[in-house]
Amino acid sequence: MISIINSLLSNIENSEERELVAFGLRRLVKMTISILAIGIIGAIWGVALYLYIFMGTFACLRVFAGGFHMKTELSCGIISSLFVVGNAMLIRFMPSEFYSNVGLLIFTLILSALIWIICPVENANKRLYVSEQKKFRWITRIILLFELSLCTLAFCYNSIFFVILSISIISVGILVSMQKIINERG
């Protein structure tokens, strides 16, 4: 893999372009490994499709909402792995009574309101310009409304997708709340 990347980079003469392409290729490799790992974890627990749906809805909202980030890539990888395994277990072992649990719906709505109000939440590693804050706020709200609509529909149909979407929204809500508290404490 490394030899393939090196041969691709050797054809680029401009050092800035080479650095940009190297960064992109590293991100692509990491993303591919993450997607495969999620599939393997999901397959182990028998929830691969559900886990991909969870991670997709979580990532879409999280990218624009912001929130807490680990300081190092290694700690991020470890915590992310535990997060994926934990959510795979939640999805796998969540009793069907939760597919239309009013308490879970209320908690999801509370965290949704919190996301709506405080997002985007910047991190010391990811500062936002004023124009980005406005743009990300509206994108976050559109994604949140879409996911919340699907969540409510799934609730009405007593579907496991209600739990998946609720966990996704709640997870983002917790991460943005944590970072907001950290930001305010300085």
C-alpha atoms as a PDB file:
ATOM      1  CA  MET A   1       0.000   0.000   0.000  1.00  0.00           C
ATOM      2  CA  ILE A   2       2.774   2.407   0.965  1.00  0.00           C
ATOM      3  CA  SER A   3       4.665   1.650  -2.262  1.00  0.00           C
ATOM      4  CA  ILE A   4       1.551   2.464  -4.301  1.00  0.00           C
ATOM      5  CA  ILE A   5       1.151   5.790  -2.507  1.00  0.00           C
ATOM      6  CA  ASN A   6       4.858   6.583  -2.933  1.00  0.00           C
ATOM      7  CA  SER A   7       4.744   5.819  -6.661  1.00  0.00           C
ATOM      8  CA  LEU A   8       1.704   8.080  -7.059  1.00  0.00           C
ATOM      9  CA  LEU A   9       3.441  10.860  -5.163  1.00  0.00           C
ATOM     10  CA  SER A  10       6.700  10.530  -7.091  1.00  0.00           C
ATOM     11  CA  ASN A  11       4.905  11.666 -10.269  1.00  0.00           C
ATOM     12  CA  ILE A  12       3.951  15.005  -8.682  1.00  0.00           C
ATOM     13  CA  GLU A  13       6.674  17.629  -8.986  1.00  0.00           C
ATOM     14  CA  ASN A  14       5.120  20.508  -7.042  1.00  0.00           C
ATOM     15  CA  SER A  15       5.829  19.950  -3.318  1.00  0.00           C
ATOM     16  CA  GLU A  16       2.602  21.662  -2.183  1.00  0.00           C
ATOM     17  CA  GLU A  17       0.529  19.494  -4.505  1.00  0.00           C
ATOM     18  CA  ARG A  18       2.434  16.405  -3.403  1.00  0.00           C
ATOM     19  CA  GLU A  19       1.732  17.228   0.258  1.00  0.00           C
ATOM     20  CA  LEU A  20      -1.969  17.804  -0.467  1.00  0.00           C
ATOM     21  CA  VAL A  21      -2.286  14.538  -2.412  1.00  0.00           C
ATOM     22  CA  ALA A  22      -0.407  12.669   0.357  1.00  0.00           C
ATOM     23  CA  PHE A  23      -2.812  14.078   2.941  1.00  0.00           C
ATOM     24  CA  GLY A  24      -5.805  13.054   0.836  1.00  0.00           C
ATOM     25  CA  LEU A  25      -4.456   9.549   0.285  1.00  0.00           C
ATOM     26  CA  ARG A  26      -3.770   9.112   4.009  1.00  0.00           C
ATOM     27  CA  ARG A  27      -7.335  10.215   4.790  1.00  0.00           C
ATOM     28  CA  LEU A  28      -8.683   7.815   2.153  1.00  0.00           C
ATOM     29  CA  VAL A  29      -6.749   4.880   3.634  1.00  0.00           C
ATOM     30  CA  LYS A  30      -7.909   5.735   7.175  1.00  0.00           C
ATOM     31  CA  MET A  31     -11.519   6.123   6.045  1.00  0.00           C
ATOM     32  CA  THR A  32     -11.406   2.803   4.181  1.00  0.00           C
ATOM     33  CA  ILE A  33     -10.000   1.054   7.253  1.00  0.00           C
ATOM     34  CA  SER A  34     -12.719   2.647   9.416  1.00  0.00           C
ATOM     35  CA  ILE A  35     -15.495   1.555   7.063  1.00  0.00           C
ATOM     36  CA  LEU A  36     -14.140  -1.988   6.978  1.00  0.00           C
ATOM     37  CA  ALA A  37     -13.753  -2.052  10.776  1.00  0.00           C
ATOM     38  CA  ILE A  38     -17.353  -0.872  11.234  1.00  0.00           C
ATOM     39  CA  GLY A  39     -18.499  -3.647   8.891  1.00  0.00           C
ATOM     40  CA  ILE A  40     -16.492  -6.270  10.796  1.00  0.00           C
ATOM     41  CA  ILE A  41     -17.756  -5.085  14.191  1.00  0.00           C
ATOM     42  CA  GLY A  42     -21.304  -4.951  12.827  1.00  0.00           C
ATOM     43  CA  ALA A  43     -20.974  -8.449  11.376  1.00  0.00           C
ATOM     44  CA  ILE A  44     -19.654  -9.816  14.691  1.00  0.00           C
ATOM     45  CA  TRP A  45     -22.709  -8.456  16.507  1.00  0.00           C
ATOM     46  CA  GLY A  46     -25.083  -9.219  13.616  1.00  0.00           C
ATOM     47  CA  VAL A  47     -25.994  -5.564  13.060  1.00  0.00           C
ATOM     48  CA  ALA A  48     -23.767  -4.462  10.156  1.00  0.00           C
ATOM     49  CA  LEU A  49     -26.495  -2.663   8.183  1.00  0.00           C
ATOM     50  CA  TYR A  50     -27.885  -0.989  11.298  1.00  0.00           C
ATOM     51  CA  LEU A  51     -24.408   0.075  12.382  1.00  0.00           C
ATOM     52  CA  TYR A  52     -23.682   1.612   8.977  1.00  0.00           C
ATOM     53  CA  ILE A  53     -26.990   3.508   9.166  1.00  0.00           C
ATOM     54  CA  PHE A  54     -26.141   4.666  12.674  1.00  0.00           C
ATOM     55  CA  MET A  55     -22.634   5.801  11.721  1.00  0.00           C
ATOM     56  CA  GLY A  56     -23.942   7.530   8.581  1.00  0.00           C
ATOM     57  CA  THR A  57     -26.581   9.536  10.435  1.00  0.00           C
ATOM     58  CA  PHE A  58     -24.185  10.253  13.299  1.00  0.00           C
ATOM     59  CA  ALA A  59     -21.389  11.413  10.973  1.00  0.00           C
ATOM     60  CA  CYS A  60     -23.662  13.620   8.839  1.00  0.00           C
ATOM     61  CA  LEU A  61     -24.880  15.513  11.887  1.00  0.00           C
ATOM     62  CA  ARG A  62     -21.560  15.495  13.756  1.00  0.00           C
ATOM     63  CA  VAL A  63     -19.502  16.971  10.912  1.00  0.00           C
ATOM     64  CA  PHE A  64     -21.502  20.194  10.970  1.00  0.00           C
ATOM     65  CA  ALA A  65     -22.602  20.310  14.635  1.00  0.00           C
ATOM     66  CA  GLY A  66     -19.040  20.075  15.919  1.00  0.00           C
ATOM     67  CA  GLY A  67     -18.344  19.167  19.508  1.00  0.00           C
ATOM     68  CA  PHE A  68     -15.756  17.323  21.538  1.00  0.00           C
ATOM     69  CA  HIS A  69     -12.632  15.927  19.854  1.00  0.00           C
ATOM     70  CA  MET A  70      -9.786  13.932  21.334  1.00  0.00           C
ATOM     71  CA  LYS A  71      -6.366  15.597  21.366  1.00  0.00           C
ATOM     72  CA  THR A  72      -4.425  12.870  19.566  1.00  0.00           C
ATOM     73  CA  GLU A  73      -5.166  10.635  16.623  1.00  0.00           C
ATOM     74  CA  LEU A  74      -4.419   7.539  18.703  1.00  0.00           C
ATOM     75  CA  SER A  75      -6.831   8.478  21.498  1.00  0.00           C
ATOM     76  CA  CYS A  76      -9.437   9.358  18.876  1.00  0.00           C
ATOM     77  CA  GLY A  77      -9.021   5.938  17.264  1.00  0.00           C
ATOM     78  CA  ILE A  78      -9.333   4.111  20.577  1.00  0.00           C
ATOM     79  CA  ILE A  79     -12.385   6.061  21.752  1.00  0.00           C
ATOM     80  CA  SER A  80     -14.014   5.804  18.304  1.00  0.00           C
ATOM     81  CA  SER A  81     -13.533   2.032  18.316  1.00  0.00           C
ATOM     82  CA  LEU A  82     -15.084   1.738  21.773  1.00  0.00           C
ATOM     83  CA  PHE A  83     -17.914   4.020  20.614  1.00  0.00           C
ATOM     84  CA  VAL A  84     -18.643   1.799  17.596  1.00  0.00           C
ATOM     85  CA  VAL A  85     -18.532  -1.409  19.662  1.00  0.00           C
ATOM     86  CA  GLY A  86     -20.724   0.137  22.353  1.00  0.00           C
ATOM     87  CA  ASN A  87     -23.314   1.262  19.854  1.00  0.00           C
ATOM     88  CA  ALA A  88     -23.251  -2.091  18.057  1.00  0.00           C
ATOM     89  CA  MET A  89     -24.029  -3.723  21.403  1.00  0.00           C
ATOM     90  CA  LEU A  90     -26.775  -1.183  22.142  1.00  0.00           C
ATOM     91  CA  ILE A  91     -28.408  -1.796  18.775  1.00  0.00           C
ATOM     92  CA  ARG A  92     -28.039  -5.573  19.076  1.00  0.00           C
ATOM     93  CA  PHE A  93     -29.353  -5.946  22.613  1.00  0.00           C
ATOM     94  CA  MET A  94     -31.879  -3.111  22.843  1.00  0.00           C
ATOM     95  CA  PRO A  95     -35.237  -4.687  23.761  1.00  0.00           C
ATOM     96  CA  SER A  96     -37.981  -4.140  21.195  1.00  0.00           C
ATOM     97  CA  GLU A  97     -39.991  -2.288  23.865  1.00  0.00           C
ATOM     98  CA  PHE A  98     -37.646   0.643  23.217  1.00  0.00           C
ATOM     99  CA  TYR A  99     -38.708   0.844  19.572  1.00  0.00           C
ATOM    100  CA  SER A 100     -41.552   3.092  20.700  1.00  0.00           C
ATOM    101  CA  ASN A 101     -40.338   4.264  24.121  1.00  0.00           C
ATOM    102  CA  VAL A 102     -41.776   7.682  24.959  1.00  0.00           C
ATOM    103  CA  GLY A 103     -38.961   8.436  27.419  1.00  0.00           C
ATOM    104  CA  LEU A 104     -36.343   7.847  24.730  1.00  0.00           C
ATOM    105  CA  LEU A 105     -38.325  10.065  22.349  1.00  0.00           C
ATOM    106  CA  ILE A 106     -38.508  12.870  24.924  1.00  0.00           C
ATOM    107  CA  PHE A 107     -34.766  12.609  25.668  1.00  0.00           C
ATOM    108  CA  THR A 108     -34.054  12.684  21.914  1.00  0.00           C
ATOM    109  CA  LEU A 109     -36.232  15.793  21.529  1.00  0.00           C
ATOM    110  CA  ILE A 110     -34.466  17.528  24.444  1.00  0.00           C
ATOM    111  CA  LEU A 111     -31.020  16.807  22.979  1.00  0.00           C
ATOM    112  CA  SER A 112     -32.283  17.886  19.537  1.00  0.00           C
ATOM    113  CA  ALA A 113     -33.377  21.239  20.987  1.00  0.00           C
ATOM    114  CA  LEU A 114     -29.954  21.599  22.595  1.00  0.00           C
ATOM    115  CA  ILE A 115     -28.200  20.841  19.292  1.00  0.00           C
ATOM    116  CA  TRP A 116     -30.498  23.327  17.530  1.00  0.00           C
ATOM    117  CA  ILE A 117     -29.646  26.089  20.020  1.00  0.00           C
ATOM    118  CA  ILE A 118     -25.892  25.705  20.556  1.00  0.00           C
ATOM    119  CA  CYS A 119     -24.534  24.343  17.283  1.00  0.00           C
ATOM    120  CA  PRO A 120     -22.084  24.580  15.738  1.00  0.00           C
ATOM    121  CA  VAL A 121     -19.716  24.169  18.679  1.00  0.00           C
ATOM    122  CA  GLU A 122     -16.104  24.780  17.771  1.00  0.00           C
ATOM    123  CA  ASN A 123     -13.112  23.020  19.233  1.00  0.00           C
ATOM    124  CA  ALA A 124      -9.597  24.357  19.864  1.00  0.00           C
ATOM    125  CA  ASN A 125      -8.458  22.113  17.002  1.00  0.00           C
ATOM    126  CA  LYS A 126     -11.271  23.281  14.711  1.00  0.00           C
ATOM    127  CA  ARG A 127     -11.950  27.010  14.893  1.00  0.00           C
ATOM    128  CA  LEU A 128     -14.739  28.415  12.732  1.00  0.00           C
ATOM    129  CA  TYR A 129     -14.995  31.738  10.923  1.00  0.00           C
ATOM    130  CA  VAL A 130     -18.241  33.688  11.391  1.00  0.00           C
ATOM    131  CA  SER A 131     -19.338  32.745   7.864  1.00  0.00           C
ATOM    132  CA  GLU A 132     -18.667  29.069   8.620  1.00  0.00           C
ATOM    133  CA  GLN A 133     -20.634  29.300  11.877  1.00  0.00           C
ATOM    134  CA  LYS A 134     -23.707  30.626  10.047  1.00  0.00           C
ATOM    135  CA  LYS A 135     -23.392  28.074   7.257  1.00  0.00           C
ATOM    136  CA  PHE A 136     -22.794  25.132   9.605  1.00  0.00           C
ATOM    137  CA  ARG A 137     -25.676  26.213  11.871  1.00  0.00           C
ATOM    138  CA  TRP A 138     -28.141  26.013   8.999  1.00  0.00           C
ATOM    139  CA  ILE A 139     -26.731  22.782   7.623  1.00  0.00           C
ATOM    140  CA  THR A 140     -26.833  21.261  11.127  1.00  0.00           C
ATOM    141  CA  ARG A 141     -30.452  22.333  11.535  1.00  0.00           C
ATOM    142  CA  ILE A 142     -31.499  20.919   8.157  1.00  0.00           C
ATOM    143  CA  ILE A 143     -29.810  17.564   8.869  1.00  0.00           C
ATOM    144  CA  LEU A 144     -31.239  17.535  12.389  1.00  0.00           C
ATOM    145  CA  LEU A 145     -34.779  18.180  11.129  1.00  0.00           C
ATOM    146  CA  PHE A 146     -34.434  15.434   8.535  1.00  0.00           C
ATOM    147  CA  GLU A 147     -33.078  12.901  11.031  1.00  0.00           C
ATOM    148  CA  LEU A 148     -35.622  13.911  13.662  1.00  0.00           C
ATOM    149  CA  SER A 149     -38.442  13.492  11.121  1.00  0.00           C
ATOM    150  CA  LEU A 150     -37.207   9.988  10.268  1.00  0.00           C
ATOM    151  CA  CYS A 151     -36.805   9.237  13.971  1.00  0.00           C
ATOM    152  CA  THR A 152     -40.379  10.310  14.735  1.00  0.00           C
ATOM    153  CA  LEU A 153     -41.714   8.306  11.794  1.00  0.00           C
ATOM    154  CA  ALA A 154     -39.797   5.231  12.987  1.00  0.00           C
ATOM    155  CA  PHE A 155     -41.220   5.795  16.475  1.00  0.00           C
ATOM    156  CA  CYS A 156     -44.744   5.798  15.055  1.00  0.00           C
ATOM    157  CA  TYR A 157     -44.055   2.494  13.277  1.00  0.00           C
ATOM    158  CA  ASN A 158     -42.398   0.866  16.320  1.00  0.00           C
ATOM    159  CA  SER A 159     -39.184   0.357  14.328  1.00  0.00           C
ATOM    160  CA  ILE A 160     -35.598  -0.334  15.376  1.00  0.00           C
ATOM    161  CA  PHE A 161     -34.660   2.690  13.248  1.00  0.00           C
ATOM    162  CA  PHE A 162     -36.174   4.862  16.001  1.00  0.00           C
ATOM    163  CA  VAL A 163     -33.538   3.546  18.437  1.00  0.00           C
ATOM    164  CA  ILE A 164     -30.737   3.913  15.867  1.00  0.00           C
ATOM    165  CA  LEU A 165     -31.621   7.508  15.036  1.00  0.00           C
ATOM    166  CA  SER A 166     -32.229   8.390  18.685  1.00  0.00           C
ATOM    167  CA  ILE A 167     -28.825   7.074  19.722  1.00  0.00           C
ATOM    168  CA  SER A 168     -27.247   9.015  16.860  1.00  0.00           C
ATOM    169  CA  ILE A 169     -28.880  12.322  17.831  1.00  0.00           C
ATOM    170  CA  ILE A 170     -28.260  11.762  21.555  1.00  0.00           C
ATOM    171  CA  SER A 171     -24.578  10.969  20.899  1.00  0.00           C
ATOM    172  CA  VAL A 172     -24.097  14.203  18.954  1.00  0.00           C
ATOM    173  CA  GLY A 173     -25.977  16.112  21.648  1.00  0.00           C
ATOM    174  CA  ILE A 174     -23.662  14.750  24.348  1.00  0.00           C
ATOM    175  CA  LEU A 175     -20.510  15.570  22.364  1.00  0.00           C
ATOM    176  CA  VAL A 176     -21.569  19.149  21.590  1.00  0.00           C
ATOM    177  CA  SER A 177     -22.638  19.672  25.218  1.00  0.00           C
ATOM    178  CA  MET A 178     -19.286  18.409  26.499  1.00  0.00           C
ATOM    179  CA  GLN A 179     -17.381  20.760  24.197  1.00  0.00           C
ATOM    180  CA  LYS A 180     -19.639  23.706  25.027  1.00  0.00           C
ATOM    181  CA  ILE A 181     -18.899  23.192  28.734  1.00  0.00           C
ATOM    182  CA  ILE A 182     -15.142  22.908  28.020  1.00  0.00           C
ATOM    183  CA  ASN A 183     -15.267  26.097  25.920  1.00  0.00           C
ATOM    184  CA  GLU A 184     -17.067  28.056  28.629  1.00  0.00           C
ATOM    185  CA  ARG A 185     -14.658  26.931  31.353  1.00  0.00           C
ATOM    186  CA  GLY A 186     -11.780  28.146  29.223  1.00  0.00           C
END
